[in-house]
Protein backbone atom coordinates (compact mmCIF):
# COMPACT_ATOMS: atom_id res chain seq x y z
CA MET A 1 -20.81 0.26 -16.71
CA LYS A 2 -24.18 1.03 -15.17
CA LYS A 3 -24.08 2.37 -11.08
CA ASN A 4 -25.91 1.00 -8.43
CA ARG A 5 -28.77 3.64 -7.59
CA ARG A 6 -28.80 2.52 -4.17
CA ASN A 7 -25.19 3.47 -3.61
CA PHE A 8 -26.10 7.14 -4.37
CA ASP A 9 -29.50 8.11 -3.57
CA LYS A 10 -29.80 7.15 0.39
CA LYS A 11 -28.61 9.79 2.90
CA PRO A 12 -26.29 8.46 5.86
CA ARG A 13 -28.35 6.75 8.64
CA GLU A 14 -27.33 6.03 11.95
CA PHE A 15 -27.68 2.38 12.98
CA ASP A 16 -27.59 0.81 16.49
CA ASP A 17 -23.94 -0.33 17.68
CA ARG A 18 -24.92 -2.96 20.03
CA GLY A 19 -22.25 -5.23 19.83
CA ALA A 20 -20.40 -2.64 17.72
CA GLU A 21 -16.90 -4.47 19.35
CA LYS A 22 -17.72 -7.41 16.75
CA GLU A 23 -18.02 -5.55 13.81
CA ASN A 24 -14.71 -6.08 12.65
CA LYS A 25 -15.06 -9.63 12.44
CA GLY A 26 -15.13 -10.82 8.73
CA GLY A 27 -14.19 -7.25 7.40
CA ALA A 28 -11.12 -5.02 7.67
CA VAL A 29 -10.98 -2.02 10.13
CA ILE A 30 -9.56 1.36 8.26
CA CYS A 31 -9.01 4.01 11.08
CA GLY A 32 -7.49 7.66 10.61
CA VAL A 33 -9.04 10.72 8.53
CA SER A 34 -6.99 10.09 5.76
CA PRO A 35 -6.95 6.20 4.99
CA VAL A 36 -10.60 6.66 5.31
CA LEU A 37 -11.01 9.23 3.42
CA GLU A 38 -9.10 7.90 0.42
CA SER A 39 -10.93 4.37 0.48
CA LEU A 40 -14.27 6.34 -0.15
CA ARG A 41 -12.68 7.79 -2.66
CA ALA A 42 -11.47 4.76 -4.31
CA GLU A 43 -14.49 2.68 -4.02
CA LYS A 44 -11.97 -0.27 -4.21
CA ARG A 45 -13.34 -1.55 -0.94
CA ARG A 46 -17.15 -1.76 -0.13
CA ILE A 47 -17.69 0.33 3.35
CA ASP A 48 -20.15 -1.05 5.37
CA LYS A 49 -20.25 1.09 8.17
CA LEU A 50 -18.55 4.27 9.33
CA PHE A 51 -17.98 5.16 13.32
CA ILE A 52 -17.77 8.88 13.87
CA ALA A 53 -16.42 9.89 17.55
CA GLU A 54 -18.60 12.13 19.59
CA ASN A 55 -17.46 15.96 19.77
CA SER A 56 -15.13 15.18 16.63
CA ASN A 57 -13.85 18.30 14.42
CA GLU A 58 -16.63 18.68 11.94
CA HIS A 59 -14.34 20.32 9.66
CA ARG A 60 -12.23 17.61 9.44
CA ILE A 61 -14.61 14.78 8.67
CA SER A 62 -16.99 16.79 6.58
CA GLU A 63 -15.68 15.19 3.49
CA ILE A 64 -16.33 11.73 4.73
CA LEU A 65 -19.93 12.54 5.77
CA GLU A 66 -20.51 14.20 2.56
CA LEU A 67 -19.10 10.86 0.98
CA ALA A 68 -21.17 8.76 3.00
CA ARG A 69 -24.55 11.02 2.23
CA GLN A 70 -23.66 10.38 -1.63
CA LYS A 71 -22.81 6.81 -1.05
CA GLY A 72 -25.25 5.60 1.51
CA ILE A 73 -23.22 4.44 3.84
CA GLN A 74 -24.31 4.03 7.51
CA PHE A 75 -22.75 5.83 10.38
CA GLN A 76 -22.87 6.14 14.09
CA ARG A 77 -21.70 8.74 16.56
CA SER A 78 -19.80 7.17 19.64
CA PRO A 79 -17.80 7.68 22.44
CA ARG A 80 -14.04 7.11 21.59
CA GLU A 81 -13.83 4.29 23.98
CA LYS A 82 -16.56 2.47 21.50
CA LEU A 83 -13.65 3.42 18.33
CA ASN A 84 -10.76 2.31 20.75
CA SER A 85 -12.31 -1.07 20.90
CA LEU A 86 -12.34 -1.57 16.88
CA VAL A 87 -8.90 -0.65 16.22
CA GLU A 88 -5.49 -2.21 17.42
CA PRO A 89 -4.13 -0.97 21.03
CA GLY A 90 -2.36 2.00 20.68
CA ALA A 91 -3.58 3.00 17.15
CA ASN A 92 -4.81 6.89 16.47
CA HIS A 93 -7.67 6.73 14.73
CA GLN A 94 -8.33 10.55 14.77
CA GLY A 95 -11.83 9.94 15.73
CA VAL A 96 -12.94 7.99 12.52
CA VAL A 97 -13.12 4.24 12.01
CA ALA A 98 -14.67 2.54 8.81
CA ILE A 99 -15.64 -1.29 9.00
CA ALA A 100 -14.79 -2.64 5.29
CA ALA A 101 -14.47 -5.42 2.97
CA SER A 102 -11.09 -6.97 3.20
CA ALA A 103 -8.59 -5.39 0.88
CA ARG A 104 -8.30 -6.98 -2.72
CA TYR A 105 -5.04 -8.54 -3.92
CA PHE A 106 -4.79 -8.17 -7.71
CA ASP A 107 -3.64 -11.30 -10.02
CA ALA A 108 0.00 -11.50 -10.53
CA ASP A 109 -0.57 -12.45 -14.22
CA GLN A 110 -2.43 -9.38 -15.00
CA LEU A 111 -0.13 -6.99 -13.65
CA ILE A 112 3.15 -8.90 -15.23
CA ALA A 113 1.10 -8.50 -18.55
CA ASP A 114 0.25 -4.73 -17.49
CA LEU A 115 3.65 -4.02 -17.01
CA SER A 116 5.07 -5.79 -20.15
CA SER A 117 2.92 -3.48 -22.16
CA ASP A 118 3.93 -0.54 -20.80
CA PRO A 119 7.05 1.12 -21.99
CA SER A 120 7.58 3.12 -18.97
CA ALA A 121 7.08 0.26 -16.52
CA LEU A 122 8.20 0.87 -13.12
CA GLY A 123 7.14 -1.79 -10.78
CA LEU A 124 8.40 -3.13 -7.07
CA ILE A 125 9.18 -6.45 -5.71
CA LEU A 126 9.55 -6.64 -2.09
CA ASP A 127 11.47 -9.90 -1.17
CA GLY A 128 10.10 -10.60 2.52
CA VAL A 129 9.11 -7.13 4.05
CA GLU A 130 7.73 -8.32 7.68
CA ASP A 131 6.90 -5.45 9.39
CA PRO A 132 3.38 -3.77 8.54
CA ARG A 133 4.61 -0.47 9.31
CA ASN A 134 7.25 -0.59 6.78
CA LEU A 135 5.03 -2.12 4.04
CA GLY A 136 2.51 0.55 4.74
CA ALA A 137 5.22 3.15 3.91
CA ILE A 138 6.42 1.32 1.04
CA LEU A 139 3.28 1.80 -0.58
CA ARG A 140 2.67 4.94 0.07
CA VAL A 141 5.96 6.04 -1.53
CA ALA A 142 5.38 3.55 -4.02
CA GLU A 143 1.99 5.67 -4.76
CA CYS A 144 3.90 8.98 -4.66
CA ALA A 145 6.50 7.51 -7.08
CA GLY A 146 3.79 6.22 -9.63
CA VAL A 147 4.73 2.79 -9.46
CA ASN A 148 2.44 0.63 -11.41
CA SER A 149 2.58 -2.60 -9.42
CA VAL A 150 4.19 -4.06 -5.95
CA PHE A 151 4.58 -7.88 -5.62
CA ILE A 152 4.98 -9.53 -2.05
CA PRO A 153 5.93 -13.34 -1.52
CA GLU A 154 2.67 -15.41 -0.24
CA ARG A 155 4.86 -16.87 2.68
CA ARG A 156 7.17 -15.17 5.28
CA ALA A 157 6.09 -11.68 4.69
CA VAL A 158 3.29 -9.22 5.94
CA GLY A 159 0.31 -9.27 3.98
CA LEU A 160 -2.53 -6.03 3.51
CA THR A 161 -3.31 -5.99 7.05
CA GLU A 162 -5.07 -2.80 9.09
CA THR A 163 -1.95 -1.61 10.06
CA VAL A 164 -0.63 -1.59 6.79
CA ALA A 165 -3.64 0.44 5.53
CA LYS A 166 -3.12 2.82 8.30
CA SER A 167 0.68 3.53 7.46
CA SER A 168 -0.04 3.84 4.19
CA ALA A 169 -2.01 6.64 4.45
CA GLY A 170 -4.56 5.67 2.14
CA ALA A 171 -2.20 4.65 -0.55
CA ILE A 172 -3.28 0.92 -0.26
CA GLU A 173 -6.48 1.94 -2.04
CA HIS A 174 -4.67 3.25 -5.14
CA VAL A 175 -1.25 0.73 -5.37
CA ARG A 176 -2.14 -2.56 -7.25
CA VAL A 177 -0.69 -5.33 -5.03
CA ALA A 178 0.11 -8.83 -5.82
CA LYS A 179 1.09 -11.85 -4.15
CA ALA A 180 3.75 -14.29 -5.69
CA ALA A 181 4.02 -17.86 -4.81
CA ASN A 182 7.74 -17.90 -5.99
CA VAL A 183 9.70 -14.52 -6.07
CA ASN A 184 12.46 -15.94 -8.42
CA ARG A 185 9.88 -17.37 -10.65
CA LEU A 186 8.20 -13.87 -10.54
CA ILE A 187 11.74 -12.40 -11.77
CA ASP A 188 12.30 -14.83 -14.82
CA LEU A 189 8.61 -14.16 -15.74
CA LEU A 190 9.18 -10.56 -15.96
CA LYS A 191 12.74 -10.87 -17.50
CA LYS A 192 11.34 -12.85 -20.67
CA GLU A 193 8.92 -9.58 -20.92
CA ASN A 194 12.13 -7.39 -21.34
CA ILE A 195 11.42 -5.66 -18.19
CA TRP A 196 14.73 -4.96 -16.36
CA ILE A 197 15.37 -6.24 -12.63
CA ILE A 198 17.20 -4.18 -10.53
CA GLY A 199 18.20 -5.14 -6.98
CA ALA A 200 19.00 -2.61 -4.19
CA ALA A 201 22.05 -4.20 -2.09
CA GLY A 202 24.50 -3.08 0.36
CA GLU A 203 27.41 -4.70 -1.33
CA ALA A 204 26.52 -3.44 -5.02
CA ASP A 205 29.48 -1.59 -7.17
CA ALA A 206 27.13 0.68 -8.93
CA ASP A 207 25.31 3.59 -7.07
CA TYR A 208 21.54 3.83 -7.39
CA THR A 209 21.87 6.96 -9.68
CA GLU A 210 23.97 5.11 -12.46
CA TRP A 211 21.05 3.00 -13.57
CA ASP A 212 19.00 4.77 -16.04
CA TRP A 213 15.59 4.20 -14.69
CA THR A 214 13.88 5.50 -17.68
CA GLN A 215 13.73 2.08 -19.00
CA PRO A 216 11.16 -0.46 -18.08
CA SER A 217 12.43 -1.56 -14.79
CA VAL A 218 11.68 -3.38 -11.90
CA LEU A 219 13.01 -2.64 -8.37
CA VAL A 220 14.00 -5.57 -5.84
CA MET A 221 13.92 -4.86 -2.20
CA GLY A 222 15.05 -7.08 0.30
CA GLY A 223 13.26 -7.71 4.13
CA GLU A 224 14.20 -6.06 7.19
CA GLY A 225 18.02 -6.85 8.30
CA GLY A 226 18.85 -9.82 6.01
CA GLY A 227 18.23 -7.88 2.82
CA LEU A 228 17.93 -9.80 -0.58
CA HIS A 229 18.03 -13.29 -0.39
CA ARG A 230 21.24 -14.54 -2.32
CA LEU A 231 19.35 -16.41 -5.16
CA THR A 232 17.14 -13.39 -5.50
CA ALA A 233 20.12 -10.96 -5.95
CA GLU A 234 21.86 -13.65 -8.49
CA LYS A 235 18.29 -13.48 -10.52
CA CYS A 236 18.64 -9.47 -10.38
CA ASP A 237 19.85 -8.02 -13.75
CA SER A 238 21.84 -5.65 -12.02
CA LEU A 239 22.54 -4.44 -8.05
CA VAL A 240 22.68 -0.96 -7.01
CA LYS A 241 23.31 0.65 -3.35
CA ILE A 242 22.45 3.88 -1.75
CA PRO A 243 26.08 5.28 -0.99
CA MET A 244 26.53 6.01 3.30
CA LYS A 245 28.45 8.52 4.74
CA GLY A 246 27.45 8.05 8.04
CA LYS A 247 28.56 5.20 10.89
CA ILE A 248 25.41 3.51 10.57
CA GLU A 249 25.36 0.98 7.71
CA SER A 250 21.96 0.67 6.35
CA LEU A 251 18.58 2.59 5.78
CA ASN A 252 15.18 1.55 6.84
CA VAL A 253 13.76 -0.49 4.01
CA SER A 254 11.08 2.29 3.49
CA VAL A 255 13.26 4.89 3.32
CA ALA A 256 15.48 3.17 1.11
CA ALA A 257 12.74 2.40 -1.48
CA GLY A 258 11.64 6.24 -1.28
CA VAL A 259 15.37 7.34 -2.00
CA ILE A 260 15.52 4.96 -5.08
CA LEU A 261 11.93 5.36 -6.54
CA PHE A 262 12.21 9.08 -6.29
CA GLU A 263 15.44 8.85 -8.58
CA ALA A 264 13.50 6.93 -10.85
CA LEU A 265 10.88 9.42 -10.86
CA ARG A 266 13.76 12.49 -11.00
CA GLN A 267 14.96 10.53 -14.35
CA ARG A 268 11.76 10.17 -15.95
CA ASN A 269 10.73 13.86 -15.14
CA LEU A 270 13.89 15.15 -17.20
CA LYS A 271 13.44 12.79 -20.09
C-alpha cells in the first residue's frame, strides 16, 4: 500500500489555538503520555492536533514529538489550563492531549470469521459492562493476554469513549472491538464455528483453571453487579468461577477478566 508522503515529509508546526476548547467537537480526545504515544504508533486513528503543556518534561514527550515530526502533525504548546479545558474534569492528561478521529469499531462478522479460522482463537464478550474505566481496564488486560477480538453490546453498555481510551493506557489502539446487536445471537454464530463459549459466573460448579483454554474459546463476562444475564448464561457451553476465600463475594469485572484470561495465556504458553 502506497503511503501518503505528506504524512512523513513535513515538520510538526504550531497552530493558532484560539478557540481550542472546541477542538474536540466531532473528534476524540486522547490524553496522557502512554495513550497518545500508542495512538501515534498504531496509526489506526488520524491525529489532527497535539497540545503540549508548557514546561512539560521534555524527556517524557520526546518520542511523541519525534513521531509528530515524522507524520507532519501540528502541535501547540499551551498553558495547562488550556489542556484542562479539553479533557473531562479531573482527568490526568500528564501534559499531553491529542485531538483524533473517533475510535473505529471493527465489523463483527469479520471478527467472527477471523476467530473461526484461528486454531488458537481467544475472544471476549462483555455482556453489559457500563463503567468506562472498567472497559478500559478490560481492554488493557485483553491486549496483554493476546485476545483476538472483543465484542460489546450495542445497547445498555459503554462504548469506546475518551475515558475508556485513557483507562486502557493505549490498548484501545491494538485491540479489535466490534459491537453486537444481540449477544445471544452472536454466541450462536460463534458456536456454529466450533468455538467454545465459556461464561464466568459465581454460581458455576467448575473453577476457571479446570477448563482447557488451549482450545478455541471465547470468554463471556457479565456487567457490574448483575453478572451474566440468565439467557446468556444458558447459551454458554460451560460456566466457570473464580474461587473466593475472603468475605467479599466477587471481584471487579476487570480484575476477574484478568485472572481468567491470564490463566488461558498460562495454559497456552505451557502447551
